Amino acid sequence: MKLIGLEEHFVTPELVGHGASTASIAQPQAWAEASRRLLDLTEERLADMDAAGLDMQVLSLNSPGLQAEGDPAAAVRQAITVNDFLTGVISEHPDRFSGFAALPLQDPKAAADELERAVTQLGLRGALVNAHTHGRYLDDPELRVVWERAEHLDVPLYLHPANGVDTAHVLSGHPELVGPMWSWGIDTATHVLRLVFGGVFDDFPNAKLLLGHMGEGLPFVMWRMDSRWDFHAHHGIELKRGRPSEYLRHNLYITTSGVCSSAPLLTALLSMGADHILFGTDYPFEDMGTATEFLRNAPISDADRLKIGHQNAERLLGLAPDGGYAGV
């Protein structure tokens, strides 16, 4: 079975420093091994893909990526450089790699322009955003220009976690809960709900948002969100689609990245439908072979397995069914 992974990370030597905050949450040996693999784009990575039976990776800059850059002008320069670099890697292995652009969201207009350049000139398939940009989330009115461009180009934005602006008081005294094991998922799911209740998908009804890690828990709470929305004071907010779950089923696509367990996969299928679930491995932070074996043996129909494994990615990202690109 053909497999396309959508959450497959890399970094360049010039941007390694942006990952210092992520390094602080990992065991030193684990971070050293992941860092080594992040820098490798063709040698060991391709061998690992072959061994695991992963046909293609859609590459994206590792968290927190450009969102960590404090100088907007520098972020713009870095985005152009890293997207050009990524395009060069893809051009050498077009049947094995595709990519998501990095965006300098510190400058919203420049970010929108870079997204358009990346898609129309470089052939990248959307963009990946690592959480917030110095406390600015994707529902910020100034970032509407990015959503407008993404909807016009018909490409998704992939929302990936990173360390939060601050630490919730309930986590105080428990640094082991800060990071991908717990707090990142809560932060990222909340970020998605900011987009729903902030009107992003009412303003851009055809916008597409990708979310990893089996939807960061959102498929499990959709019924209760709808029920409590009927109960809660709306504080002046009214949703054009009526209930929050309608946006999650319409605008949201999730990947299996970092969750190799049948129970959450079955829940996601029942909650969102097979057309909105795609495959990912979360390389190099999870084992490729574990991820591919999981999907191959998951207790789902063969039709759903094909959709998740590659067909949805080909449709959503405009990838040719025989590998490489469909169109520009």
C-alpha atoms as a PDB file:
ATOM      1  CA  MET A   1       0.000   0.000   0.000  1.00  0.00           C
ATOM      2  CA  LYS A   2       1.256   3.440  -0.913  1.00  0.00           C
ATOM      3  CA  LEU A   3       1.878   5.742   2.057  1.00  0.00           C
ATOM      4  CA  ILE A   4       2.368   9.525   2.142  1.00  0.00           C
ATOM      5  CA  GLY A   5       3.385  11.103   5.451  1.00  0.00           C
ATOM      6  CA  LEU A   6       2.321  14.701   6.147  1.00  0.00           C
ATOM      7  CA  GLU A   7       4.133  15.489   9.390  1.00  0.00           C
ATOM      8  CA  GLU A   8       7.778  14.878   8.550  1.00  0.00           C
ATOM      9  CA  HIS A   9      10.224  17.345  10.028  1.00  0.00           C
ATOM     10  CA  PHE A  10      13.586  18.786   9.025  1.00  0.00           C
ATOM     11  CA  VAL A  11      15.828  21.676   9.977  1.00  0.00           C
ATOM     12  CA  THR A  12      18.747  23.512   8.383  1.00  0.00           C
ATOM     13  CA  PRO A  13      22.020  24.321  10.182  1.00  0.00           C
ATOM     14  CA  GLU A  14      21.168  28.027  10.021  1.00  0.00           C
ATOM     15  CA  LEU A  15      17.851  27.541  11.848  1.00  0.00           C
ATOM     16  CA  VAL A  16      18.881  24.996  14.485  1.00  0.00           C
ATOM     17  CA  GLY A  17      18.996  27.746  17.102  1.00  0.00           C
ATOM     18  CA  HIS A  18      15.258  28.358  16.808  1.00  0.00           C
ATOM     19  CA  GLY A  19      14.658  24.940  18.348  1.00  0.00           C
ATOM     20  CA  ALA A  20      16.308  25.692  21.678  1.00  0.00           C
ATOM     21  CA  SER A  21      12.975  25.935  23.489  1.00  0.00           C
ATOM     22  CA  THR A  22      11.940  22.533  22.172  1.00  0.00           C
ATOM     23  CA  ALA A  23      15.266  21.039  23.201  1.00  0.00           C
ATOM     24  CA  SER A  24      14.568  22.030  26.799  1.00  0.00           C
ATOM     25  CA  ILE A  25      11.645  19.597  27.113  1.00  0.00           C
ATOM     26  CA  ALA A  26      13.426  16.474  25.837  1.00  0.00           C
ATOM     27  CA  GLN A  27      15.903  14.083  27.410  1.00  0.00           C
ATOM     28  CA  PRO A  28      19.372  15.154  26.191  1.00  0.00           C
ATOM     29  CA  GLN A  29      20.153  11.891  24.403  1.00  0.00           C
ATOM     30  CA  ALA A  30      16.741  11.795  22.729  1.00  0.00           C
ATOM     31  CA  TRP A  31      17.092  15.396  21.544  1.00  0.00           C
ATOM     32  CA  ALA A  32      20.618  14.776  20.231  1.00  0.00           C
ATOM     33  CA  GLU A  33      19.402  11.826  18.168  1.00  0.00           C
ATOM     34  CA  ALA A  34      16.385  13.719  16.844  1.00  0.00           C
ATOM     35  CA  SER A  35      18.568  16.726  15.989  1.00  0.00           C
ATOM     36  CA  ARG A  36      20.924  14.558  13.987  1.00  0.00           C
ATOM     37  CA  ARG A  37      18.056  13.100  12.007  1.00  0.00           C
ATOM     38  CA  LEU A  38      16.421  16.503  11.458  1.00  0.00           C
ATOM     39  CA  LEU A  39      19.519  17.707   9.633  1.00  0.00           C
ATOM     40  CA  ASP A  40      19.635  14.657   7.348  1.00  0.00           C
ATOM     41  CA  LEU A  41      17.333  14.960   4.361  1.00  0.00           C
ATOM     42  CA  THR A  42      18.446  12.287   1.919  1.00  0.00           C
ATOM     43  CA  GLU A  43      20.830   9.638   3.198  1.00  0.00           C
ATOM     44  CA  GLU A  44      19.577   8.021   6.397  1.00  0.00           C
ATOM     45  CA  ARG A  45      16.075   9.430   5.930  1.00  0.00           C
ATOM     46  CA  LEU A  46      15.560   7.774   2.555  1.00  0.00           C
ATOM     47  CA  ALA A  47      16.888   4.475   3.897  1.00  0.00           C
ATOM     48  CA  ASP A  48      14.476   4.722   6.848  1.00  0.00           C
ATOM     49  CA  MET A  49      11.617   5.447   4.465  1.00  0.00           C
ATOM     50  CA  ASP A  50      12.481   2.406   2.367  1.00  0.00           C
ATOM     51  CA  ALA A  51      12.730   0.168   5.415  1.00  0.00           C
ATOM     52  CA  ALA A  52       9.374   1.378   6.736  1.00  0.00           C
ATOM     53  CA  GLY A  53       7.601   1.324   3.386  1.00  0.00           C
ATOM     54  CA  LEU A  54       6.925   5.069   3.392  1.00  0.00           C
ATOM     55  CA  ASP A  55       6.700   6.249  -0.202  1.00  0.00           C
ATOM     56  CA  MET A  56       6.697  10.018   0.292  1.00  0.00           C
ATOM     57  CA  GLN A  57       7.278  12.599   3.004  1.00  0.00           C
ATOM     58  CA  VAL A  58       5.722  16.056   2.905  1.00  0.00           C
ATOM     59  CA  LEU A  59       8.562  17.913   4.608  1.00  0.00           C
ATOM     60  CA  SER A  60       8.132  20.829   7.006  1.00  0.00           C
ATOM     61  CA  LEU A  61      10.461  22.970   9.101  1.00  0.00           C
ATOM     62  CA  ASN A  62      10.736  21.724  12.664  1.00  0.00           C
ATOM     63  CA  SER A  63       8.993  23.474  15.569  1.00  0.00           C
ATOM     64  CA  PRO A  64       9.061  26.304  16.489  1.00  0.00           C
ATOM     65  CA  GLY A  65      10.515  27.191  13.114  1.00  0.00           C
ATOM     66  CA  LEU A  66      10.356  30.774  11.923  1.00  0.00           C
ATOM     67  CA  GLN A  67       7.814  31.627  14.625  1.00  0.00           C
ATOM     68  CA  ALA A  68      10.760  31.897  17.044  1.00  0.00           C
ATOM     69  CA  GLU A  69      12.456  34.702  15.086  1.00  0.00           C
ATOM     70  CA  GLY A  70      12.162  38.059  16.784  1.00  0.00           C
ATOM     71  CA  ASP A  71      13.062  40.268  13.813  1.00  0.00           C
ATOM     72  CA  PRO A  72      10.292  40.407  11.166  1.00  0.00           C
ATOM     73  CA  ALA A  73      12.704  41.318   8.380  1.00  0.00           C
ATOM     74  CA  ALA A  74      14.972  38.424   9.299  1.00  0.00           C
ATOM     75  CA  ALA A  75      11.967  36.080   9.346  1.00  0.00           C
ATOM     76  CA  VAL A  76      11.071  37.126   5.802  1.00  0.00           C
ATOM     77  CA  ARG A  77      14.624  36.469   4.593  1.00  0.00           C
ATOM     78  CA  GLN A  78      14.750  33.123   6.396  1.00  0.00           C
ATOM     79  CA  ALA A  79      11.430  32.026   4.895  1.00  0.00           C
ATOM     80  CA  ILE A  80      12.617  32.713   1.356  1.00  0.00           C
ATOM     81  CA  THR A  81      15.905  30.913   1.992  1.00  0.00           C
ATOM     82  CA  VAL A  82      14.458  27.814   3.642  1.00  0.00           C
ATOM     83  CA  ASN A  83      11.607  27.467   1.119  1.00  0.00           C
ATOM     84  CA  ASP A  84      14.086  27.709  -1.743  1.00  0.00           C
ATOM     85  CA  PHE A  85      16.273  25.123  -0.007  1.00  0.00           C
ATOM     86  CA  LEU A  86      13.322  22.771   0.498  1.00  0.00           C
ATOM     87  CA  THR A  87      12.346  23.118  -3.150  1.00  0.00           C
ATOM     88  CA  GLY A  88      15.865  22.109  -4.150  1.00  0.00           C
ATOM     89  CA  VAL A  89      15.665  18.962  -2.024  1.00  0.00           C
ATOM     90  CA  ILE A  90      12.291  18.070  -3.536  1.00  0.00           C
ATOM     91  CA  SER A  91      13.560  18.631  -7.090  1.00  0.00           C
ATOM     92  CA  GLU A  92      16.286  16.030  -6.506  1.00  0.00           C
ATOM     93  CA  HIS A  93      13.766  13.439  -5.254  1.00  0.00           C
ATOM     94  CA  PRO A  94      10.340  14.455  -6.626  1.00  0.00           C
ATOM     95  CA  ASP A  95       8.922  10.970  -6.185  1.00  0.00           C
ATOM     96  CA  ARG A  96       9.923  10.821  -2.500  1.00  0.00           C
ATOM     97  CA  PHE A  97       9.438  14.349  -1.164  1.00  0.00           C
ATOM     98  CA  SER A  98       6.917  17.161  -1.246  1.00  0.00           C
ATOM     99  CA  GLY A  99       6.779  20.093   1.149  1.00  0.00           C
ATOM    100  CA  PHE A 100       4.986  22.710   3.203  1.00  0.00           C
ATOM    101  CA  ALA A 101       6.299  26.275   3.179  1.00  0.00           C
ATOM    102  CA  ALA A 102       7.509  28.133   6.248  1.00  0.00           C
ATOM    103  CA  LEU A 103       5.850  31.542   6.645  1.00  0.00           C
ATOM    104  CA  PRO A 104       7.149  34.761   8.249  1.00  0.00           C
ATOM    105  CA  LEU A 105       3.944  35.514  10.144  1.00  0.00           C
ATOM    106  CA  GLN A 106       5.669  38.364  11.953  1.00  0.00           C
ATOM    107  CA  ASP A 107       4.823  40.296   8.741  1.00  0.00           C
ATOM    108  CA  PRO A 108       1.344  39.125   7.622  1.00  0.00           C
ATOM    109  CA  LYS A 109       1.449  40.660   4.130  1.00  0.00           C
ATOM    110  CA  ALA A 110       4.907  39.237   3.492  1.00  0.00           C
ATOM    111  CA  ALA A 111       3.707  35.853   4.789  1.00  0.00           C
ATOM    112  CA  ALA A 112       0.787  35.853   2.352  1.00  0.00           C
ATOM    113  CA  ASP A 113       3.074  36.814  -0.508  1.00  0.00           C
ATOM    114  CA  GLU A 114       5.563  34.104   0.446  1.00  0.00           C
ATOM    115  CA  LEU A 115       2.782  31.534   0.569  1.00  0.00           C
ATOM    116  CA  GLU A 116       1.740  32.501  -2.946  1.00  0.00           C
ATOM    117  CA  ARG A 117       5.338  32.369  -4.192  1.00  0.00           C
ATOM    118  CA  ALA A 118       5.907  29.017  -2.516  1.00  0.00           C
ATOM    119  CA  VAL A 119       2.795  27.491  -4.069  1.00  0.00           C
ATOM    120  CA  THR A 120       2.742  29.051  -7.538  1.00  0.00           C
ATOM    121  CA  GLN A 121       6.474  29.285  -8.235  1.00  0.00           C
ATOM    122  CA  LEU A 122       8.088  26.630  -6.037  1.00  0.00           C
ATOM    123  CA  GLY A 123       5.382  23.968  -6.117  1.00  0.00           C
ATOM    124  CA  LEU A 124       5.008  23.631  -2.350  1.00  0.00           C
ATOM    125  CA  ARG A 125       1.686  22.309  -1.140  1.00  0.00           C
ATOM    126  CA  GLY A 126       0.600  24.771   1.538  1.00  0.00           C
ATOM    127  CA  ALA A 127       2.310  25.892   4.731  1.00  0.00           C
ATOM    128  CA  LEU A 128       2.979  24.660   8.238  1.00  0.00           C
ATOM    129  CA  VAL A 129       2.696  27.050  11.179  1.00  0.00           C
ATOM    130  CA  ASN A 130       4.199  26.207  14.555  1.00  0.00           C
ATOM    131  CA  ALA A 131       1.660  27.424  17.123  1.00  0.00           C
ATOM    132  CA  HIS A 132       1.775  31.153  17.853  1.00  0.00           C
ATOM    133  CA  THR A 133       4.071  33.879  16.570  1.00  0.00           C
ATOM    134  CA  HIS A 134       5.214  35.780  19.678  1.00  0.00           C
ATOM    135  CA  GLY A 135       1.752  35.470  21.155  1.00  0.00           C
ATOM    136  CA  ARG A 136      -0.196  36.150  17.956  1.00  0.00           C
ATOM    137  CA  TYR A 137      -2.536  33.317  16.971  1.00  0.00           C
ATOM    138  CA  LEU A 138      -3.980  32.542  13.575  1.00  0.00           C
ATOM    139  CA  ASP A 139      -7.326  34.146  14.433  1.00  0.00           C
ATOM    140  CA  ASP A 140      -5.651  37.550  14.731  1.00  0.00           C
ATOM    141  CA  PRO A 141      -7.388  40.011  12.356  1.00  0.00           C
ATOM    142  CA  GLU A 142      -4.035  41.015  10.873  1.00  0.00           C
ATOM    143  CA  LEU A 143      -3.532  37.432   9.690  1.00  0.00           C
ATOM    144  CA  ARG A 144      -6.763  37.366   7.676  1.00  0.00           C
ATOM    145  CA  VAL A 145      -4.641  38.212   4.644  1.00  0.00           C
ATOM    146  CA  VAL A 146      -2.870  34.848   5.019  1.00  0.00           C
ATOM    147  CA  TRP A 147      -6.150  32.944   5.248  1.00  0.00           C
ATOM    148  CA  GLU A 148      -7.504  34.846   2.255  1.00  0.00           C
ATOM    149  CA  ARG A 149      -4.460  33.848   0.212  1.00  0.00           C
ATOM    150  CA  ALA A 150      -4.576  30.219   1.353  1.00  0.00           C
ATOM    151  CA  GLU A 151      -8.259  29.919   0.441  1.00  0.00           C
ATOM    152  CA  HIS A 152      -7.630  31.551  -2.940  1.00  0.00           C
ATOM    153  CA  LEU A 153      -4.729  29.177  -3.646  1.00  0.00           C
ATOM    154  CA  ASP A 154      -6.787  26.229  -2.334  1.00  0.00           C
ATOM    155  CA  VAL A 155      -3.993  24.970  -0.086  1.00  0.00           C
ATOM    156  CA  PRO A 156      -4.101  23.978   3.588  1.00  0.00           C
ATOM    157  CA  LEU A 157      -2.363  25.471   6.568  1.00  0.00           C
ATOM    158  CA  TYR A 158      -0.974  22.825   8.915  1.00  0.00           C
ATOM    159  CA  LEU A 159      -1.088  23.888  12.571  1.00  0.00           C
ATOM    160  CA  HIS A 160       1.694  22.244  14.566  1.00  0.00           C
ATOM    161  CA  PRO A 161       2.380  22.648  18.310  1.00  0.00           C
ATOM    162  CA  ALA A 162       5.182  24.522  20.030  1.00  0.00           C
ATOM    163  CA  ASN A 163       5.809  25.868  23.503  1.00  0.00           C
ATOM    164  CA  GLY A 164       3.159  28.311  24.656  1.00  0.00           C
ATOM    165  CA  VAL A 165       3.593  31.975  25.447  1.00  0.00           C
ATOM    166  CA  ASP A 166       3.265  31.157  29.141  1.00  0.00           C
ATOM    167  CA  THR A 167       2.522  28.171  31.364  1.00  0.00           C
ATOM    168  CA  ALA A 168      -0.940  27.595  32.797  1.00  0.00           C
ATOM    169  CA  HIS A 169      -1.039  27.731  36.584  1.00  0.00           C
ATOM    170  CA  VAL A 170      -2.404  24.186  36.755  1.00  0.00           C
ATOM    171  CA  LEU A 171       0.915  23.012  35.285  1.00  0.00           C
ATOM    172  CA  SER A 172       3.018  24.885  37.840  1.00  0.00           C
ATOM    173  CA  GLY A 173       5.380  22.597  39.672  1.00  0.00           C
ATOM    174  CA  HIS A 174       4.964  19.905  37.032  1.00  0.00           C
ATOM    175  CA  PRO A 175       7.363  20.623  34.164  1.00  0.00           C
ATOM    176  CA  GLU A 176       6.977  17.012  33.020  1.00  0.00           C
ATOM    177  CA  LEU A 177       3.498  17.964  31.748  1.00  0.00           C
ATOM    178  CA  VAL A 178       4.829  20.772  29.540  1.00  0.00           C
ATOM    179  CA  GLY A 179       5.429  19.667  25.965  1.00  0.00           C
ATOM    180  CA  PRO A 180       4.112  17.125  23.479  1.00  0.00           C
ATOM    181  CA  MET A 181       3.090  14.595  26.133  1.00  0.00           C
ATOM    182  CA  TRP A 182       0.324  16.897  27.405  1.00  0.00           C
ATOM    183  CA  SER A 183       0.316  20.710  27.229  1.00  0.00           C
ATOM    184  CA  TRP A 184       1.038  21.075  23.516  1.00  0.00           C
ATOM    185  CA  GLY A 185      -2.092  19.147  22.584  1.00  0.00           C
ATOM    186  CA  ILE A 186      -4.322  21.274  24.805  1.00  0.00           C
ATOM    187  CA  ASP A 187      -2.780  24.501  23.518  1.00  0.00           C
ATOM    188  CA  THR A 188      -3.134  23.446  19.880  1.00  0.00           C
ATOM    189  CA  ALA A 189      -6.730  22.245  20.234  1.00  0.00           C
ATOM    190  CA  THR A 190      -7.582  25.559  21.893  1.00  0.00           C
ATOM    191  CA  HIS A 191      -5.893  27.396  19.021  1.00  0.00           C
ATOM    192  CA  VAL A 192      -8.216  25.571  16.601  1.00  0.00           C
ATOM    193  CA  LEU A 193     -11.258  26.625  18.628  1.00  0.00           C
ATOM    194  CA  ARG A 194     -10.040  30.226  18.525  1.00  0.00           C
ATOM    195  CA  LEU A 195     -10.256  29.942  14.729  1.00  0.00           C
ATOM    196  CA  VAL A 196     -13.798  28.585  14.927  1.00  0.00           C
ATOM    197  CA  PHE A 197     -15.146  31.120  17.419  1.00  0.00           C
ATOM    198  CA  GLY A 198     -12.968  33.914  16.038  1.00  0.00           C
ATOM    199  CA  GLY A 199     -14.850  33.705  12.744  1.00  0.00           C
ATOM    200  CA  VAL A 200     -11.965  32.607  10.521  1.00  0.00           C
ATOM    201  CA  PHE A 201     -13.978  29.834   8.889  1.00  0.00           C
ATOM    202  CA  ASP A 202     -17.056  32.029   8.591  1.00  0.00           C
ATOM    203  CA  ASP A 203     -14.934  34.581   6.749  1.00  0.00           C
ATOM    204  CA  PHE A 204     -13.186  31.908   4.661  1.00  0.00           C
ATOM    205  CA  PRO A 205     -15.606  28.970   4.422  1.00  0.00           C
ATOM    206  CA  ASN A 206     -13.390  26.996   2.058  1.00  0.00           C
ATOM    207  CA  ALA A 207     -10.223  27.354   4.117  1.00  0.00           C
ATOM    208  CA  LYS A 208      -8.515  24.088   5.037  1.00  0.00           C
ATOM    209  CA  LEU A 209      -6.715  23.451   8.311  1.00  0.00           C
ATOM    210  CA  LEU A 210      -4.526  20.411   8.954  1.00  0.00           C
ATOM    211  CA  LEU A 211      -3.942  19.213  12.503  1.00  0.00           C
ATOM    212  CA  GLY A 212      -1.655  16.403  13.634  1.00  0.00           C
ATOM    213  CA  HIS A 213      -1.670  13.873  16.445  1.00  0.00           C
ATOM    214  CA  MET A 214      -5.111  12.467  15.604  1.00  0.00           C
ATOM    215  CA  GLY A 215      -6.693  15.892  15.953  1.00  0.00           C
ATOM    216  CA  GLU A 216      -5.192  16.862  19.336  1.00  0.00           C
ATOM    217  CA  GLY A 217      -8.196  15.342  21.141  1.00  0.00           C
ATOM    218  CA  LEU A 218     -10.873  17.328  19.296  1.00  0.00           C
ATOM    219  CA  PRO A 219     -12.621  14.320  17.671  1.00  0.00           C
ATOM    220  CA  PHE A 220     -13.373  12.998  21.166  1.00  0.00           C
ATOM    221  CA  VAL A 221     -15.218  16.073  22.457  1.00  0.00           C
ATOM    222  CA  MET A 222     -17.299  17.210  19.500  1.00  0.00           C
ATOM    223  CA  TRP A 223     -20.668  16.110  20.890  1.00  0.00           C
ATOM    224  CA  ARG A 224     -20.060  17.788  24.244  1.00  0.00           C
ATOM    225  CA  MET A 225     -18.878  21.004  22.602  1.00  0.00           C
ATOM    226  CA  ASP A 226     -22.110  21.185  20.633  1.00  0.00           C
ATOM    227  CA  SER A 227     -24.206  20.409  23.690  1.00  0.00           C
ATOM    228  CA  ARG A 228     -22.477  22.988  25.866  1.00  0.00           C
ATOM    229  CA  TRP A 229     -22.556  25.604  23.098  1.00  0.00           C
ATOM    230  CA  ASP A 230     -26.327  25.332  23.249  1.00  0.00           C
ATOM    231  CA  PHE A 231     -26.101  25.915  27.016  1.00  0.00           C
ATOM    232  CA  HIS A 232     -23.370  28.568  27.255  1.00  0.00           C
ATOM    233  CA  ALA A 233     -23.744  32.312  27.022  1.00  0.00           C
ATOM    234  CA  HIS A 234     -22.450  33.177  23.554  1.00  0.00           C
ATOM    235  CA  HIS A 235     -20.925  36.538  24.509  1.00  0.00           C
ATOM    236  CA  GLY A 236     -22.074  38.046  21.252  1.00  0.00           C
ATOM    237  CA  ILE A 237     -20.632  35.285  19.064  1.00  0.00           C
ATOM    238  CA  GLU A 238     -22.915  33.442  16.653  1.00  0.00           C
ATOM    239  CA  LEU A 239     -21.627  30.733  14.349  1.00  0.00           C
ATOM    240  CA  LYS A 240     -22.919  30.716  10.786  1.00  0.00           C
ATOM    241  CA  ARG A 241     -22.749  26.921  10.756  1.00  0.00           C
ATOM    242  CA  GLY A 242     -24.579  26.748  14.076  1.00  0.00           C
ATOM    243  CA  ARG A 243     -22.380  24.405  16.103  1.00  0.00           C
ATOM    244  CA  PRO A 244     -18.622  23.989  16.516  1.00  0.00           C
ATOM    245  CA  SER A 245     -18.571  20.392  15.246  1.00  0.00           C
ATOM    246  CA  GLU A 246     -19.796  21.580  11.841  1.00  0.00           C
ATOM    247  CA  TYR A 247     -16.545  23.485  11.350  1.00  0.00           C
ATOM    248  CA  LEU A 248     -14.397  20.589  12.524  1.00  0.00           C
ATOM    249  CA  ARG A 249     -16.093  18.278  10.024  1.00  0.00           C
ATOM    250  CA  HIS A 250     -15.929  20.816   7.195  1.00  0.00           C
ATOM    251  CA  ASN A 251     -12.693  22.815   7.537  1.00  0.00           C
ATOM    252  CA  LEU A 252     -10.493  20.505   9.607  1.00  0.00           C
ATOM    253  CA  TYR A 253      -8.346  17.631   8.364  1.00  0.00           C
ATOM    254  CA  ILE A 254      -6.299  15.578  10.807  1.00  0.00           C
ATOM    255  CA  THR A 255      -3.305  13.292  10.517  1.00  0.00           C
ATOM    256  CA  THR A 256      -2.373  10.176  12.456  1.00  0.00           C
ATOM    257  CA  SER A 257       1.076  11.568  13.258  1.00  0.00           C
ATOM    258  CA  GLY A 258       2.404  10.522  16.643  1.00  0.00           C
ATOM    259  CA  VAL A 259      -0.629   8.393  17.543  1.00  0.00           C
ATOM    260  CA  CYS A 260      -0.274   4.716  16.654  1.00  0.00           C
ATOM    261  CA  SER A 261      -3.330   3.368  18.447  1.00  0.00           C
ATOM    262  CA  SER A 262      -6.503   1.881  17.005  1.00  0.00           C
ATOM    263  CA  ALA A 263      -8.930   3.294  19.573  1.00  0.00           C
ATOM    264  CA  PRO A 264      -8.352   6.989  18.753  1.00  0.00           C
ATOM    265  CA  LEU A 265      -8.229   6.201  15.034  1.00  0.00           C
ATOM    266  CA  LEU A 266     -11.643   4.537  15.194  1.00  0.00           C
ATOM    267  CA  THR A 267     -13.021   7.463  17.189  1.00  0.00           C
ATOM    268  CA  ALA A 268     -11.665   9.917  14.622  1.00  0.00           C
ATOM    269  CA  LEU A 269     -13.228   7.907  11.793  1.00  0.00           C
ATOM    270  CA  LEU A 270     -16.614   7.921  13.500  1.00  0.00           C
ATOM    271  CA  SER A 271     -16.369  11.619  14.398  1.00  0.00           C
ATOM    272  CA  MET A 272     -14.928  13.097  11.213  1.00  0.00           C
ATOM    273  CA  GLY A 273     -15.159  10.520   8.447  1.00  0.00           C
ATOM    274  CA  ALA A 274     -12.416   8.858   6.435  1.00  0.00           C
ATOM    275  CA  ASP A 275     -12.145  11.712   3.912  1.00  0.00           C
ATOM    276  CA  HIS A 276     -10.716  14.022   6.590  1.00  0.00           C
ATOM    277  CA  ILE A 277      -7.973  11.766   7.990  1.00  0.00           C
ATOM    278  CA  LEU A 278      -4.475  11.530   6.526  1.00  0.00           C
ATOM    279  CA  PHE A 279      -1.297   9.686   7.443  1.00  0.00           C
ATOM    280  CA  GLY A 280       1.776  11.046   9.212  1.00  0.00           C
ATOM    281  CA  THR A 281       4.697   9.583  11.147  1.00  0.00           C
ATOM    282  CA  ASP A 282       6.017  12.584  13.164  1.00  0.00           C
ATOM    283  CA  TYR A 283       9.552  11.730  12.054  1.00  0.00           C
ATOM    284  CA  PRO A 284      12.091  11.875  13.642  1.00  0.00           C
ATOM    285  CA  PHE A 285      10.274  12.090  16.970  1.00  0.00           C
ATOM    286  CA  GLU A 286       8.395   8.845  16.377  1.00  0.00           C
ATOM    287  CA  ASP A 287       9.523   5.666  14.650  1.00  0.00           C
ATOM    288  CA  MET A 288       8.572   5.451  10.983  1.00  0.00           C
ATOM    289  CA  GLY A 289       8.219   1.675  10.994  1.00  0.00           C
ATOM    290  CA  THR A 290       5.870   1.735  13.981  1.00  0.00           C
ATOM    291  CA  ALA A 291       3.644   4.278  12.212  1.00  0.00           C
ATOM    292  CA  THR A 292       3.458   2.463   8.879  1.00  0.00           C
ATOM    293  CA  GLU A 293       2.874  -0.922  10.507  1.00  0.00           C
ATOM    294  CA  PHE A 294       0.090   0.602  12.602  1.00  0.00           C
ATOM    295  CA  LEU A 295      -1.867   1.838   9.599  1.00  0.00           C
ATOM    296  CA  ARG A 296      -1.322  -1.354   7.616  1.00  0.00           C
ATOM    297  CA  ASN A 297      -2.747  -3.453  10.450  1.00  0.00           C
ATOM    298  CA  ALA A 298      -5.373  -1.077  11.877  1.00  0.00           C
ATOM    299  CA  PRO A 299      -8.870  -2.629  12.167  1.00  0.00           C
ATOM    300  CA  ILE A 300     -10.429  -0.465   9.454  1.00  0.00           C
ATOM    301  CA  SER A 301     -11.748  -1.133   5.971  1.00  0.00           C
ATOM    302  CA  ASP A 302      -9.341  -1.347   3.066  1.00  0.00           C
ATOM    303  CA  ALA A 303     -11.141   1.571   1.409  1.00  0.00           C
ATOM    304  CA  ASP A 304     -10.541   3.771   4.464  1.00  0.00           C
ATOM    305  CA  ARG A 305      -6.944   2.562   4.703  1.00  0.00           C
ATOM    306  CA  LEU A 306      -6.260   3.701   1.147  1.00  0.00           C
ATOM    307  CA  LYS A 307      -7.865   7.084   1.764  1.00  0.00           C
ATOM    308  CA  ILE A 308      -5.798   7.674   4.900  1.00  0.00           C
ATOM    309  CA  GLY A 309      -2.623   6.196   3.457  1.00  0.00           C
ATOM    310  CA  HIS A 310      -2.393   8.273   0.291  1.00  0.00           C
ATOM    311  CA  GLN A 311      -5.603   9.148  -1.541  1.00  0.00           C
ATOM    312  CA  ASN A 312      -6.660  12.017   0.727  1.00  0.00           C
ATOM    313  CA  ALA A 313      -3.168  13.519   0.571  1.00  0.00           C
ATOM    314  CA  GLU A 314      -3.161  13.335  -3.203  1.00  0.00           C
ATOM    315  CA  ARG A 315      -6.529  15.060  -3.345  1.00  0.00           C
ATOM    316  CA  LEU A 316      -5.930  17.701  -0.663  1.00  0.00           C
ATOM    317  CA  LEU A 317      -2.398  18.606  -1.742  1.00  0.00           C
ATOM    318  CA  GLY A 318      -2.753  18.114  -5.482  1.00  0.00           C
ATOM    319  CA  LEU A 319      -0.174  15.337  -5.600  1.00  0.00           C
ATOM    320  CA  ALA A 320      -0.082  13.108  -8.661  1.00  0.00           C
ATOM    321  CA  PRO A 321      -1.273   9.559  -7.847  1.00  0.00           C
ATOM    322  CA  ASP A 322       1.929   8.118  -9.336  1.00  0.00           C
ATOM    323  CA  GLY A 323       4.150  10.347  -7.172  1.00  0.00           C
ATOM    324  CA  GLY A 324       5.448  13.869  -7.640  1.00  0.00           C
ATOM    325  CA  TYR A 325       3.313  16.876  -8.440  1.00  0.00           C
ATOM    326  CA  ALA A 326       0.069  17.376 -10.238  1.00  0.00           C
ATOM    327  CA  GLY A 327       0.276  20.746 -11.918  1.00  0.00           C
ATOM    328  CA  VAL A 328       2.517  23.599 -10.822  1.00  0.00           C
END
